[in-house]
Amino acid sequence: MQPMSVTVGPIAAASANNICLTQTPTSSLTINGALASGGVATLDVQRRVLITTTADESSKTFTVTGTNWAGNTISQTITGPNATTGATTISFKTVTSITISAAAAGSLTVGTNGVADSPWVRFD
């Protein structure tokens, strides 16, 4: 049997605001980070979405909608973090919308983790 070598990368580093720059939303967040074009954030590989808050948002929920690596629409609702960072448990290839259930108490950003979170990593 021949040894196999696999090279992965480069994979972009984590970023706290590559999906949404600092904002204090009342309902829908503006997707305006470095990965955004036309209101859609397209990630290099599918990743978990990170929401970083400056205030206690734990009484609110955030709904993240987008697609997975196969282009299927996916969505997840998570509880807001309390002046820290919260993350989705599923991974997104694109983010098409993020909503908050009530007006934010403080500013927040939305970004991505620094790891490709998928049982199959695709580099198209």
PDB file of N, CA and C in Angstrom:
ATOM      1  N   MET A   1       0.844  -1.170   0.000  1.00  0.00           N
ATOM      2  CA  MET A   1       0.000   0.000   0.000  1.00  0.00           C
ATOM      3  C   MET A   1       0.894   1.240   0.000  1.00  0.00           C
ATOM      4  N   GLN A   2       0.591   2.178  -0.848  1.00  0.00           N
ATOM      5  CA  GLN A   2       1.341   3.425  -0.954  1.00  0.00           C
ATOM      6  C   GLN A   2       0.872   4.407   0.110  1.00  0.00           C
ATOM      7  N   PRO A   3       1.798   5.143   0.750  1.00  0.00           N
ATOM      8  CA  PRO A   3       1.369   6.179   1.695  1.00  0.00           C
ATOM      9  C   PRO A   3       0.660   7.300   0.953  1.00  0.00           C
ATOM     10  N   MET A   4      -0.288   7.926   1.630  1.00  0.00           N
ATOM     11  CA  MET A   4      -1.044   9.020   1.043  1.00  0.00           C
ATOM     12  C   MET A   4      -0.732  10.302   1.797  1.00  0.00           C
ATOM     13  N   SER A   5      -0.560  11.378   1.079  1.00  0.00           N
ATOM     14  CA  SER A   5      -0.322  12.687   1.670  1.00  0.00           C
ATOM     15  C   SER A   5      -1.395  13.636   1.185  1.00  0.00           C
ATOM     16  N   VAL A   6      -2.008  14.351   2.106  1.00  0.00           N
ATOM     17  CA  VAL A   6      -3.054  15.306   1.767  1.00  0.00           C
ATOM     18  C   VAL A   6      -2.651  16.669   2.305  1.00  0.00           C
ATOM     19  N   THR A   7      -2.747  17.678   1.460  1.00  0.00           N
ATOM     20  CA  THR A   7      -2.472  19.044   1.881  1.00  0.00           C
ATOM     21  C   THR A   7      -3.777  19.817   1.855  1.00  0.00           C
ATOM     22  N   VAL A   8      -4.095  20.477   2.947  1.00  0.00           N
ATOM     23  CA  VAL A   8      -5.321  21.255   3.060  1.00  0.00           C
ATOM     24  C   VAL A   8      -4.948  22.702   3.297  1.00  0.00           C
ATOM     25  N   GLY A   9      -5.587  23.599   2.568  1.00  0.00           N
ATOM     26  CA  GLY A   9      -5.376  24.998   2.873  1.00  0.00           C
ATOM     27  C   GLY A   9      -4.924  25.781   1.666  1.00  0.00           C
ATOM     28  N   PRO A  10      -4.610  27.004   1.847  1.00  0.00           N
ATOM     29  CA  PRO A  10      -4.682  27.661   3.147  1.00  0.00           C
ATOM     30  C   PRO A  10      -6.127  27.957   3.542  1.00  0.00           C
ATOM     31  N   ILE A  11      -6.381  27.891   4.823  1.00  0.00           N
ATOM     32  CA  ILE A  11      -7.702  28.197   5.361  1.00  0.00           C
ATOM     33  C   ILE A  11      -7.596  29.536   6.078  1.00  0.00           C
ATOM     34  N   ALA A  12      -8.546  30.410   5.803  1.00  0.00           N
ATOM     35  CA  ALA A  12      -8.529  31.742   6.400  1.00  0.00           C
ATOM     36  C   ALA A  12      -8.622  31.657   7.918  1.00  0.00           C
ATOM     37  N   ALA A  13      -8.008  32.611   8.581  1.00  0.00           N
ATOM     38  CA  ALA A  13      -8.039  32.691  10.043  1.00  0.00           C
ATOM     39  C   ALA A  13      -9.431  33.089  10.521  1.00  0.00           C
ATOM     40  N   ALA A  14      -9.674  32.847  11.784  1.00  0.00           N
ATOM     41  CA  ALA A  14     -10.924  33.291  12.393  1.00  0.00           C
ATOM     42  C   ALA A  14     -11.026  34.805  12.312  1.00  0.00           C
ATOM     43  N   SER A  15     -12.241  35.292  12.245  1.00  0.00           N
ATOM     44  CA  SER A  15     -12.470  36.736  12.206  1.00  0.00           C
ATOM     45  C   SER A  15     -13.772  37.041  12.932  1.00  0.00           C
ATOM     46  N   ALA A  16     -13.736  38.035  13.808  1.00  0.00           N
ATOM     47  CA  ALA A  16     -14.923  38.394  14.588  1.00  0.00           C
ATOM     48  C   ALA A  16     -15.934  39.200  13.782  1.00  0.00           C
ATOM     49  N   ASN A  17     -15.518  39.780  12.623  1.00  0.00           N
ATOM     50  CA  ASN A  17     -16.438  40.665  11.918  1.00  0.00           C
ATOM     51  C   ASN A  17     -16.404  40.507  10.398  1.00  0.00           C
ATOM     52  N   ASN A  18     -16.024  39.351   9.891  1.00  0.00           N
ATOM     53  CA  ASN A  18     -15.975  39.203   8.439  1.00  0.00           C
ATOM     54  C   ASN A  18     -17.346  38.961   7.801  1.00  0.00           C
ATOM     55  N   ILE A  19     -18.386  38.762   8.613  1.00  0.00           N
ATOM     56  CA  ILE A  19     -19.754  38.669   8.091  1.00  0.00           C
ATOM     57  C   ILE A  19     -20.504  39.979   8.341  1.00  0.00           C
ATOM     58  N   CYS A  20     -20.490  40.468   9.576  1.00  0.00           N
ATOM     59  CA  CYS A  20     -21.150  41.734   9.916  1.00  0.00           C
ATOM     60  C   CYS A  20     -20.207  42.619  10.718  1.00  0.00           C
ATOM     61  N   LEU A  21     -20.017  43.842  10.245  1.00  0.00           N
ATOM     62  CA  LEU A  21     -19.244  44.827  11.002  1.00  0.00           C
ATOM     63  C   LEU A  21     -20.053  45.277  12.212  1.00  0.00           C
ATOM     64  N   THR A  22     -19.436  46.022  13.119  1.00  0.00           N
ATOM     65  CA  THR A  22     -20.081  46.458  14.356  1.00  0.00           C
ATOM     66  C   THR A  22     -21.405  47.171  14.068  1.00  0.00           C
ATOM     67  N   GLN A  23     -22.446  46.724  14.767  1.00  0.00           N
ATOM     68  CA  GLN A  23     -23.780  47.322  14.634  1.00  0.00           C
ATOM     69  C   GLN A  23     -24.609  47.006  15.861  1.00  0.00           C
ATOM     70  N   THR A  24     -25.698  47.759  16.038  1.00  0.00           N
ATOM     71  CA  THR A  24     -26.657  47.534  17.121  1.00  0.00           C
ATOM     72  C   THR A  24     -28.017  47.327  16.465  1.00  0.00           C
ATOM     73  N   PRO A  25     -28.320  46.106  16.054  1.00  0.00           N
ATOM     74  CA  PRO A  25     -29.531  45.852  15.263  1.00  0.00           C
ATOM     75  C   PRO A  25     -30.808  45.843  16.097  1.00  0.00           C
ATOM     76  N   THR A  26     -31.909  46.123  15.413  1.00  0.00           N
ATOM     77  CA  THR A  26     -33.223  46.030  16.042  1.00  0.00           C
ATOM     78  C   THR A  26     -33.994  44.806  15.546  1.00  0.00           C
ATOM     79  N   SER A  27     -33.647  44.298  14.367  1.00  0.00           N
ATOM     80  CA  SER A  27     -34.291  43.081  13.841  1.00  0.00           C
ATOM     81  C   SER A  27     -33.329  42.352  12.903  1.00  0.00           C
ATOM     82  N   SER A  28     -33.168  42.831  11.696  1.00  0.00           N
ATOM     83  CA  SER A  28     -32.248  42.196  10.748  1.00  0.00           C
ATOM     84  C   SER A  28     -30.875  42.828  10.827  1.00  0.00           C
ATOM     85  N   LEU A  29     -29.844  42.010  10.778  1.00  0.00           N
ATOM     86  CA  LEU A  29     -28.482  42.525  10.756  1.00  0.00           C
ATOM     87  C   LEU A  29     -28.081  42.801   9.310  1.00  0.00           C
ATOM     88  N   THR A  30     -27.236  43.788   9.133  1.00  0.00           N
ATOM     89  CA  THR A  30     -26.707  44.112   7.813  1.00  0.00           C
ATOM     90  C   THR A  30     -25.464  43.264   7.577  1.00  0.00           C
ATOM     91  N   ILE A  31     -25.485  42.473   6.522  1.00  0.00           N
ATOM     92  CA  ILE A  31     -24.330  41.639   6.180  1.00  0.00           C
ATOM     93  C   ILE A  31     -23.388  42.517   5.354  1.00  0.00           C
ATOM     94  N   ASN A  32     -22.349  43.027   6.036  1.00  0.00           N
ATOM     95  CA  ASN A  32     -21.481  44.027   5.423  1.00  0.00           C
ATOM     96  C   ASN A  32     -20.003  43.841   5.754  1.00  0.00           C
ATOM     97  N   GLY A  33     -19.626  42.649   6.174  1.00  0.00           N
ATOM     98  CA  GLY A  33     -18.227  42.367   6.495  1.00  0.00           C
ATOM     99  C   GLY A  33     -17.396  42.120   5.243  1.00  0.00           C
ATOM    100  N   ALA A  34     -16.143  41.783   5.436  1.00  0.00           N
ATOM    101  CA  ALA A  34     -15.206  41.581   4.329  1.00  0.00           C
ATOM    102  C   ALA A  34     -15.619  40.456   3.388  1.00  0.00           C
ATOM    103  N   LEU A  35     -16.401  39.489   3.870  1.00  0.00           N
ATOM    104  CA  LEU A  35     -16.837  38.374   3.023  1.00  0.00           C
ATOM    105  C   LEU A  35     -18.143  38.669   2.283  1.00  0.00           C
ATOM    106  N   ALA A  36     -18.719  39.845   2.518  1.00  0.00           N
ATOM    107  CA  ALA A  36     -20.037  40.168   1.976  1.00  0.00           C
ATOM    108  C   ALA A  36     -19.961  40.800   0.592  1.00  0.00           C
ATOM    109  N   SER A  37     -20.915  40.414  -0.222  1.00  0.00           N
ATOM    110  CA  SER A  37     -21.126  41.033  -1.517  1.00  0.00           C
ATOM    111  C   SER A  37     -22.611  40.933  -1.812  1.00  0.00           C
ATOM    112  N   GLY A  38     -23.242  42.059  -2.026  1.00  0.00           N
ATOM    113  CA  GLY A  38     -24.673  42.043  -2.313  1.00  0.00           C
ATOM    114  C   GLY A  38     -25.515  41.508  -1.178  1.00  0.00           C
ATOM    115  N   GLY A  39     -25.065  41.673   0.068  1.00  0.00           N
ATOM    116  CA  GLY A  39     -25.830  41.229   1.215  1.00  0.00           C
ATOM    117  C   GLY A  39     -25.699  39.747   1.536  1.00  0.00           C
ATOM    118  N   VAL A  40     -24.748  39.058   0.898  1.00  0.00           N
ATOM    119  CA  VAL A  40     -24.495  37.640   1.167  1.00  0.00           C
ATOM    120  C   VAL A  40     -23.022  37.478   1.501  1.00  0.00           C
ATOM    121  N   ALA A  41     -22.733  36.784   2.588  1.00  0.00           N
ATOM    122  CA  ALA A  41     -21.349  36.478   2.950  1.00  0.00           C
ATOM    123  C   ALA A  41     -21.028  35.084   2.416  1.00  0.00           C
ATOM    124  N   THR A  42     -19.959  34.984   1.635  1.00  0.00           N
ATOM    125  CA  THR A  42     -19.520  33.704   1.090  1.00  0.00           C
ATOM    126  C   THR A  42     -18.195  33.342   1.742  1.00  0.00           C
ATOM    127  N   LEU A  43     -18.176  32.210   2.446  1.00  0.00           N
ATOM    128  CA  LEU A  43     -17.005  31.773   3.192  1.00  0.00           C
ATOM    129  C   LEU A  43     -16.105  30.910   2.315  1.00  0.00           C
ATOM    130  N   ASP A  44     -14.820  30.832   2.664  1.00  0.00           N
ATOM    131  CA  ASP A  44     -13.880  30.025   1.884  1.00  0.00           C
ATOM    132  C   ASP A  44     -14.217  28.539   1.962  1.00  0.00           C
ATOM    133  N   VAL A  45     -14.578  28.057   3.130  1.00  0.00           N
ATOM    134  CA  VAL A  45     -15.082  26.705   3.374  1.00  0.00           C
ATOM    135  C   VAL A  45     -16.203  26.859   4.389  1.00  0.00           C
ATOM    136  N   GLN A  46     -17.016  25.830   4.539  1.00  0.00           N
ATOM    137  CA  GLN A  46     -18.092  26.007   5.514  1.00  0.00           C
ATOM    138  C   GLN A  46     -17.520  26.074   6.918  1.00  0.00           C
ATOM    139  N   ARG A  47     -18.072  26.991   7.691  1.00  0.00           N
ATOM    140  CA  ARG A  47     -17.581  27.272   9.035  1.00  0.00           C
ATOM    141  C   ARG A  47     -18.747  27.593   9.955  1.00  0.00           C
ATOM    142  N   ARG A  48     -18.458  27.530  11.233  1.00  0.00           N
ATOM    143  CA  ARG A  48     -19.443  27.974  12.219  1.00  0.00           C
ATOM    144  C   ARG A  48     -19.467  29.497  12.242  1.00  0.00           C
ATOM    145  N   VAL A  49     -20.631  30.037  12.545  1.00  0.00           N
ATOM    146  CA  VAL A  49     -20.810  31.485  12.607  1.00  0.00           C
ATOM    147  C   VAL A  49     -20.699  31.917  14.063  1.00  0.00           C
ATOM    148  N   LEU A  50     -19.903  32.955  14.312  1.00  0.00           N
ATOM    149  CA  LEU A  50     -19.679  33.481  15.658  1.00  0.00           C
ATOM    150  C   LEU A  50     -20.378  34.820  15.820  1.00  0.00           C
ATOM    151  N   ILE A  51     -21.105  34.973  16.923  1.00  0.00           N
ATOM    152  CA  ILE A  51     -21.750  36.245  17.256  1.00  0.00           C
ATOM    153  C   ILE A  51     -21.105  36.754  18.533  1.00  0.00           C
ATOM    154  N   THR A  52     -20.488  37.923  18.456  1.00  0.00           N
ATOM    155  CA  THR A  52     -19.780  38.511  19.594  1.00  0.00           C
ATOM    156  C   THR A  52     -20.527  39.759  20.033  1.00  0.00           C
ATOM    157  N   THR A  53     -20.937  39.784  21.297  1.00  0.00           N
ATOM    158  CA  THR A  53     -21.740  40.898  21.814  1.00  0.00           C
ATOM    159  C   THR A  53     -20.991  41.668  22.899  1.00  0.00           C
ATOM    160  N   THR A  54     -21.353  42.942  23.050  1.00  0.00           N
ATOM    161  CA  THR A  54     -20.763  43.774  24.098  1.00  0.00           C
ATOM    162  C   THR A  54     -21.688  43.913  25.293  1.00  0.00           C
ATOM    163  N   ALA A  55     -22.919  43.419  25.167  1.00  0.00           N
ATOM    164  CA  ALA A  55     -23.913  43.513  26.242  1.00  0.00           C
ATOM    165  C   ALA A  55     -24.573  42.144  26.420  1.00  0.00           C
ATOM    166  N   ASP A  56     -25.444  42.054  27.395  1.00  0.00           N
ATOM    167  CA  ASP A  56     -26.165  40.807  27.661  1.00  0.00           C
ATOM    168  C   ASP A  56     -27.312  40.658  26.664  1.00  0.00           C
ATOM    169  N   GLU A  57     -27.164  39.745  25.729  1.00  0.00           N
ATOM    170  CA  GLU A  57     -28.198  39.474  24.724  1.00  0.00           C
ATOM    171  C   GLU A  57     -28.835  38.106  24.961  1.00  0.00           C
ATOM    172  N   SER A  58     -28.655  37.546  26.160  1.00  0.00           N
ATOM    173  CA  SER A  58     -29.098  36.179  26.444  1.00  0.00           C
ATOM    174  C   SER A  58     -30.618  36.002  26.471  1.00  0.00           C
ATOM    175  N   SER A  59     -31.380  37.086  26.516  1.00  0.00           N
ATOM    176  CA  SER A  59     -32.842  36.971  26.463  1.00  0.00           C
ATOM    177  C   SER A  59     -33.352  36.989  25.022  1.00  0.00           C
ATOM    178  N   LYS A  60     -32.433  37.080  24.074  1.00  0.00           N
ATOM    179  CA  LYS A  60     -32.799  37.156  22.658  1.00  0.00           C
ATOM    180  C   LYS A  60     -32.291  35.930  21.914  1.00  0.00           C
ATOM    181  N   THR A  61     -32.843  35.703  20.739  1.00  0.00           N
ATOM    182  CA  THR A  61     -32.338  34.648  19.866  1.00  0.00           C
ATOM    183  C   THR A  61     -31.886  35.262  18.544  1.00  0.00           C
ATOM    184  N   PHE A  62     -30.896  34.620  17.949  1.00  0.00           N
ATOM    185  CA  PHE A  62     -30.396  34.999  16.633  1.00  0.00           C
ATOM    186  C   PHE A  62     -30.690  33.847  15.683  1.00  0.00           C
ATOM    187  N   THR A  63     -31.230  34.156  14.525  1.00  0.00           N
ATOM    188  CA  THR A  63     -31.462  33.142  13.500  1.00  0.00           C
ATOM    189  C   THR A  63     -30.528  33.413  12.332  1.00  0.00           C
ATOM    190  N   VAL A  64     -29.676  32.439  12.061  1.00  0.00           N
ATOM    191  CA  VAL A  64     -28.707  32.530  10.969  1.00  0.00           C
ATOM    192  C   VAL A  64     -29.217  31.638   9.838  1.00  0.00           C
ATOM    193  N   THR A  65     -29.302  32.199   8.632  1.00  0.00           N
ATOM    194  CA  THR A  65     -29.770  31.458   7.465  1.00  0.00           C
ATOM    195  C   THR A  65     -28.724  31.566   6.367  1.00  0.00           C
ATOM    196  N   GLY A  66     -28.552  30.489   5.634  1.00  0.00           N
ATOM    197  CA  GLY A  66     -27.595  30.478   4.529  1.00  0.00           C
ATOM    198  C   GLY A  66     -27.644  29.149   3.828  1.00  0.00           C
ATOM    199  N   THR A  67     -26.459  28.704   3.368  1.00  0.00           N
ATOM    200  CA  THR A  67     -26.375  27.416   2.688  1.00  0.00           C
ATOM    201  C   THR A  67     -25.192  26.620   3.232  1.00  0.00           C
ATOM    202  N   ASN A  68     -25.247  25.312   2.996  1.00  0.00           N
ATOM    203  CA  ASN A  68     -24.106  24.460   3.332  1.00  0.00           C
ATOM    204  C   ASN A  68     -23.235  24.298   2.089  1.00  0.00           C
ATOM    205  N   TRP A  69     -22.203  23.466   2.154  1.00  0.00           N
ATOM    206  CA  TRP A  69     -21.278  23.307   1.034  1.00  0.00           C
ATOM    207  C   TRP A  69     -21.949  22.783  -0.225  1.00  0.00           C
ATOM    208  N   ALA A  70     -23.075  22.062  -0.059  1.00  0.00           N
ATOM    209  CA  ALA A  70     -23.777  21.493  -1.209  1.00  0.00           C
ATOM    210  C   ALA A  70     -24.792  22.460  -1.813  1.00  0.00           C
ATOM    211  N   GLY A  71     -24.937  23.652  -1.205  1.00  0.00           N
ATOM    212  CA  GLY A  71     -25.891  24.630  -1.715  1.00  0.00           C
ATOM    213  C   GLY A  71     -27.285  24.503  -1.146  1.00  0.00           C
ATOM    214  N   ASN A  72     -27.468  23.593  -0.178  1.00  0.00           N
ATOM    215  CA  ASN A  72     -28.780  23.427   0.455  1.00  0.00           C
ATOM    216  C   ASN A  72     -29.010  24.527   1.468  1.00  0.00           C
ATOM    217  N   THR A  73     -30.220  25.061   1.517  1.00  0.00           N
ATOM    218  CA  THR A  73     -30.565  26.087   2.497  1.00  0.00           C
ATOM    219  C   THR A  73     -30.577  25.478   3.887  1.00  0.00           C
ATOM    220  N   ILE A  74     -29.898  26.161   4.827  1.00  0.00           N
ATOM    221  CA  ILE A  74     -29.868  25.727   6.220  1.00  0.00           C
ATOM    222  C   ILE A  74     -30.126  26.941   7.099  1.00  0.00           C
ATOM    223  N   SER A  75     -30.571  26.691   8.320  1.00  0.00           N
ATOM    224  CA  SER A  75     -30.864  27.762   9.259  1.00  0.00           C
ATOM    225  C   SER A  75     -30.691  27.230  10.671  1.00  0.00           C
ATOM    226  N   GLN A  76     -30.232  28.098  11.560  1.00  0.00           N
ATOM    227  CA  GLN A  76     -30.119  27.717  12.964  1.00  0.00           C
ATOM    228  C   GLN A  76     -30.436  28.922  13.832  1.00  0.00           C
ATOM    229  N   THR A  77     -31.174  28.673  14.916  1.00  0.00           N
ATOM    230  CA  THR A  77     -31.473  29.705  15.901  1.00  0.00           C
ATOM    231  C   THR A  77     -30.659  29.413  17.147  1.00  0.00           C
ATOM    232  N   ILE A  78     -29.934  30.432  17.625  1.00  0.00           N
ATOM    233  CA  ILE A  78     -29.118  30.282  18.828  1.00  0.00           C
ATOM    234  C   ILE A  78     -29.472  31.364  19.827  1.00  0.00           C
ATOM    235  N   THR A  79     -29.255  31.073  21.100  1.00  0.00           N
ATOM    236  CA  THR A  79     -29.459  32.052  22.166  1.00  0.00           C
ATOM    237  C   THR A  79     -28.322  33.061  22.134  1.00  0.00           C
ATOM    238  N   GLY A  80     -28.666  34.326  22.312  1.00  0.00           N
ATOM    239  CA  GLY A  80     -27.652  35.374  22.312  1.00  0.00           C
ATOM    240  C   GLY A  80     -26.684  35.217  23.471  1.00  0.00           C
ATOM    241  N   PRO A  81     -25.426  35.562  23.257  1.00  0.00           N
ATOM    242  CA  PRO A  81     -24.430  35.481  24.323  1.00  0.00           C
ATOM    243  C   PRO A  81     -24.518  36.681  25.271  1.00  0.00           C
ATOM    244  N   ASN A  82     -23.940  36.534  26.444  1.00  0.00           N
ATOM    245  CA  ASN A  82     -23.914  37.588  27.458  1.00  0.00           C
ATOM    246  C   ASN A  82     -22.535  38.242  27.455  1.00  0.00           C
ATOM    247  N   ALA A  83     -22.369  39.278  26.630  1.00  0.00           N
ATOM    248  CA  ALA A  83     -21.115  40.033  26.523  1.00  0.00           C
ATOM    249  C   ALA A  83     -19.922  39.115  26.262  1.00  0.00           C
ATOM    250  N   THR A  84     -20.125  38.168  25.372  1.00  0.00           N
ATOM    251  CA  THR A  84     -19.084  37.213  24.988  1.00  0.00           C
ATOM    252  C   THR A  84     -19.369  36.751  23.564  1.00  0.00           C
ATOM    253  N   THR A  85     -18.853  35.602  23.190  1.00  0.00           N
ATOM    254  CA  THR A  85     -19.057  35.073  21.838  1.00  0.00           C
ATOM    255  C   THR A  85     -19.851  33.780  21.899  1.00  0.00           C
ATOM    256  N   GLY A  86     -20.875  33.696  21.069  1.00  0.00           N
ATOM    257  CA  GLY A  86     -21.654  32.474  20.899  1.00  0.00           C
ATOM    258  C   GLY A  86     -21.458  31.976  19.481  1.00  0.00           C
ATOM    259  N   ALA A  87     -21.732  30.697  19.246  1.00  0.00           N
ATOM    260  CA  ALA A  87     -21.492  30.113  17.925  1.00  0.00           C
ATOM    261  C   ALA A  87     -22.618  29.173  17.522  1.00  0.00           C
ATOM    262  N   THR A  88     -22.828  29.073  16.220  1.00  0.00           N
ATOM    263  CA  THR A  88     -23.742  28.061  15.711  1.00  0.00           C
ATOM    264  C   THR A  88     -23.090  26.692  15.921  1.00  0.00           C
ATOM    265  N   THR A  89     -23.899  25.660  15.931  1.00  0.00           N
ATOM    266  CA  THR A  89     -23.366  24.301  16.030  1.00  0.00           C
ATOM    267  C   THR A  89     -23.324  23.632  14.667  1.00  0.00           C
ATOM    268  N   ILE A  90     -23.916  24.278  13.664  1.00  0.00           N
ATOM    269  CA  ILE A  90     -23.800  23.793  12.297  1.00  0.00           C
ATOM    270  C   ILE A  90     -22.948  24.784  11.519  1.00  0.00           C
ATOM    271  N   SER A  91     -22.420  24.332  10.401  1.00  0.00           N
ATOM    272  CA  SER A  91     -21.496  25.146   9.624  1.00  0.00           C
ATOM    273  C   SER A  91     -22.155  25.650   8.345  1.00  0.00           C
ATOM    274  N   PHE A  92     -21.789  26.862   7.968  1.00  0.00           N
ATOM    275  CA  PHE A  92     -22.361  27.551   6.817  1.00  0.00           C
ATOM    276  C   PHE A  92     -21.289  27.806   5.775  1.00  0.00           C
ATOM    277  N   LYS A  93     -21.654  27.676   4.501  1.00  0.00           N
ATOM    278  CA  LYS A  93     -20.791  28.077   3.383  1.00  0.00           C
ATOM    279  C   LYS A  93     -21.129  29.508   2.965  1.00  0.00           C
ATOM    280  N   THR A  94     -22.422  29.843   3.033  1.00  0.00           N
ATOM    281  CA  THR A  94     -22.853  31.224   2.823  1.00  0.00           C
ATOM    282  C   THR A  94     -23.782  31.621   3.965  1.00  0.00           C
ATOM    283  N   VAL A  95     -23.846  32.914   4.225  1.00  0.00           N
ATOM    284  CA  VAL A  95     -24.809  33.464   5.175  1.00  0.00           C
ATOM    285  C   VAL A  95     -25.622  34.497   4.408  1.00  0.00           C
ATOM    286  N   THR A  96     -26.931  34.256   4.326  1.00  0.00           N
ATOM    287  CA  THR A  96     -27.802  35.135   3.551  1.00  0.00           C
ATOM    288  C   THR A  96     -28.631  36.070   4.416  1.00  0.00           C
ATOM    289  N   SER A  97     -28.821  35.710   5.682  1.00  0.00           N
ATOM    290  CA  SER A  97     -29.518  36.617   6.597  1.00  0.00           C
ATOM    291  C   SER A  97     -29.250  36.215   8.044  1.00  0.00           C
ATOM    292  N   ILE A  98     -29.313  37.232   8.908  1.00  0.00           N
ATOM    293  CA  ILE A  98     -29.230  37.034  10.352  1.00  0.00           C
ATOM    294  C   ILE A  98     -30.242  37.970  10.964  1.00  0.00           C
ATOM    295  N   THR A  99     -31.093  37.421  11.826  1.00  0.00           N
ATOM    296  CA  THR A  99     -32.071  38.253  12.521  1.00  0.00           C
ATOM    297  C   THR A  99     -31.914  38.072  14.023  1.00  0.00           C
ATOM    298  N   ILE A 100     -32.343  39.094  14.761  1.00  0.00           N
ATOM    299  CA  ILE A 100     -32.357  39.046  16.219  1.00  0.00           C
ATOM    300  C   ILE A 100     -33.808  39.223  16.643  1.00  0.00           C
ATOM    301  N   SER A 101     -34.222  38.526  17.690  1.00  0.00           N
ATOM    302  CA  SER A 101     -35.635  38.498  18.094  1.00  0.00           C
ATOM    303  C   SER A 101     -36.133  39.803  18.699  1.00  0.00           C
ATOM    304  N   ALA A 102     -35.243  40.660  19.191  1.00  0.00           N
ATOM    305  CA  ALA A 102     -35.607  41.970  19.751  1.00  0.00           C
ATOM    306  C   ALA A 102     -34.386  42.870  19.608  1.00  0.00           C
ATOM    307  N   ALA A 103     -34.591  44.150  19.802  1.00  0.00           N
ATOM    308  CA  ALA A 103     -33.485  45.102  19.649  1.00  0.00           C
ATOM    309  C   ALA A 103     -32.308  44.733  20.549  1.00  0.00           C
ATOM    310  N   ALA A 104     -31.117  44.812  19.998  1.00  0.00           N
ATOM    311  CA  ALA A 104     -29.906  44.504  20.754  1.00  0.00           C
ATOM    312  C   ALA A 104     -29.679  45.548  21.844  1.00  0.00           C
ATOM    313  N   ALA A 105     -29.159  45.113  22.975  1.00  0.00           N
ATOM    314  CA  ALA A 105     -28.855  46.011  24.089  1.00  0.00           C
ATOM    315  C   ALA A 105     -27.544  46.761  23.867  1.00  0.00           C
ATOM    316  N   GLY A 106     -26.673  46.200  23.048  1.00  0.00           N
ATOM    317  CA  GLY A 106     -25.380  46.809  22.764  1.00  0.00           C
ATOM    318  C   GLY A 106     -24.915  46.438  21.378  1.00  0.00           C
ATOM    319  N   SER A 107     -23.727  46.842  21.042  1.00  0.00           N
ATOM    320  CA  SER A 107     -23.205  46.547  19.705  1.00  0.00           C
ATOM    321  C   SER A 107     -22.732  45.091  19.622  1.00  0.00           C
ATOM    322  N   LEU A 108     -22.657  44.609  18.400  1.00  0.00           N
ATOM    323  CA  LEU A 108     -22.217  43.242  18.172  1.00  0.00           C
ATOM    324  C   LEU A 108     -21.577  43.127  16.803  1.00  0.00           C
ATOM    325  N   THR A 109     -20.841  42.050  16.613  1.00  0.00           N
ATOM    326  CA  THR A 109     -20.261  41.707  15.317  1.00  0.00           C
ATOM    327  C   THR A 109     -20.562  40.242  15.029  1.00  0.00           C
ATOM    328  N   VAL A 110     -20.448  39.867  13.759  1.00  0.00           N
ATOM    329  CA  VAL A 110     -20.645  38.471  13.366  1.00  0.00           C
ATOM    330  C   VAL A 110     -19.475  38.065  12.478  1.00  0.00           C
ATOM    331  N   GLY A 111     -18.889  36.923  12.793  1.00  0.00           N
ATOM    332  CA  GLY A 111     -17.754  36.437  12.030  1.00  0.00           C
ATOM    333  C   GLY A 111     -17.741  34.931  11.949  1.00  0.00           C
ATOM    334  N   THR A 112     -16.559  34.388  11.725  1.00  0.00           N
ATOM    335  CA  THR A 112     -16.414  32.945  11.550  1.00  0.00           C
ATOM    336  C   THR A 112     -15.271  32.400  12.391  1.00  0.00           C
ATOM    337  N   ASN A 113     -15.341  31.104  12.649  1.00  0.00           N
ATOM    338  CA  ASN A 113     -14.240  30.442  13.347  1.00  0.00           C
ATOM    339  C   ASN A 113     -13.096  30.187  12.372  1.00  0.00           C
ATOM    340  N   GLY A 114     -11.979  29.701  12.866  1.00  0.00           N
ATOM    341  CA  GLY A 114     -10.804  29.507  12.035  1.00  0.00           C
ATOM    342  C   GLY A 114     -10.575  28.076  11.611  1.00  0.00           C
ATOM    343  N   VAL A 115     -11.601  27.241  11.707  1.00  0.00           N
ATOM    344  CA  VAL A 115     -11.459  25.821  11.374  1.00  0.00           C
ATOM    345  C   VAL A 115     -12.538  25.444  10.377  1.00  0.00           C
ATOM    346  N   ALA A 116     -12.189  24.648   9.413  1.00  0.00           N
ATOM    347  CA  ALA A 116     -13.186  24.114   8.485  1.00  0.00           C
ATOM    348  C   ALA A 116     -13.983  23.060   9.244  1.00  0.00           C
ATOM    349  N   ASP A 117     -15.253  23.324   9.510  1.00  0.00           N
ATOM    350  CA  ASP A 117     -16.088  22.439  10.313  1.00  0.00           C
ATOM    351  C   ASP A 117     -16.967  21.582   9.431  1.00  0.00           C
ATOM    352  N   SER A 118     -16.428  20.506   8.969  1.00  0.00           N
ATOM    353  CA  SER A 118     -17.183  19.638   8.082  1.00  0.00           C
ATOM    354  C   SER A 118     -16.558  18.255   8.076  1.00  0.00           C
ATOM    355  N   PRO A 119     -17.352  17.217   8.010  1.00  0.00           N
ATOM    356  CA  PRO A 119     -16.755  15.897   7.865  1.00  0.00           C
ATOM    357  C   PRO A 119     -16.074  15.755   6.507  1.00  0.00           C
ATOM    358  N   TRP A 120     -16.470  16.576   5.557  1.00  0.00           N
ATOM    359  CA  TRP A 120     -15.854  16.587   4.216  1.00  0.00           C
ATOM    360  C   TRP A 120     -15.523  18.037   3.896  1.00  0.00           C
ATOM    361  N   VAL A 121     -14.273  18.331   3.752  1.00  0.00           N
ATOM    362  CA  VAL A 121     -13.852  19.686   3.405  1.00  0.00           C
ATOM    363  C   VAL A 121     -13.734  19.760   1.895  1.00  0.00           C
ATOM    364  N   ARG A 122     -14.407  20.730   1.283  1.00  0.00           N
ATOM    365  CA  ARG A 122     -14.360  20.902  -0.158  1.00  0.00           C
ATOM    366  C   ARG A 122     -13.619  22.182  -0.499  1.00  0.00           C
ATOM    367  N   PHE A 123     -12.760  22.117  -1.465  1.00  0.00           N
ATOM    368  CA  PHE A 123     -12.082  23.297  -1.982  1.00  0.00           C
ATOM    369  C   PHE A 123     -12.402  23.358  -3.476  1.00  0.00           C
ATOM    370  N   ASP A 124     -13.429  24.091  -3.814  1.00  0.00           N
ATOM    371  CA  ASP A 124     -13.873  24.199  -5.225  1.00  0.00           C
ATOM    372  C   ASP A 124     -13.158  25.331  -5.914  1.00  0.00           C
TER     373      ASP A 124
END
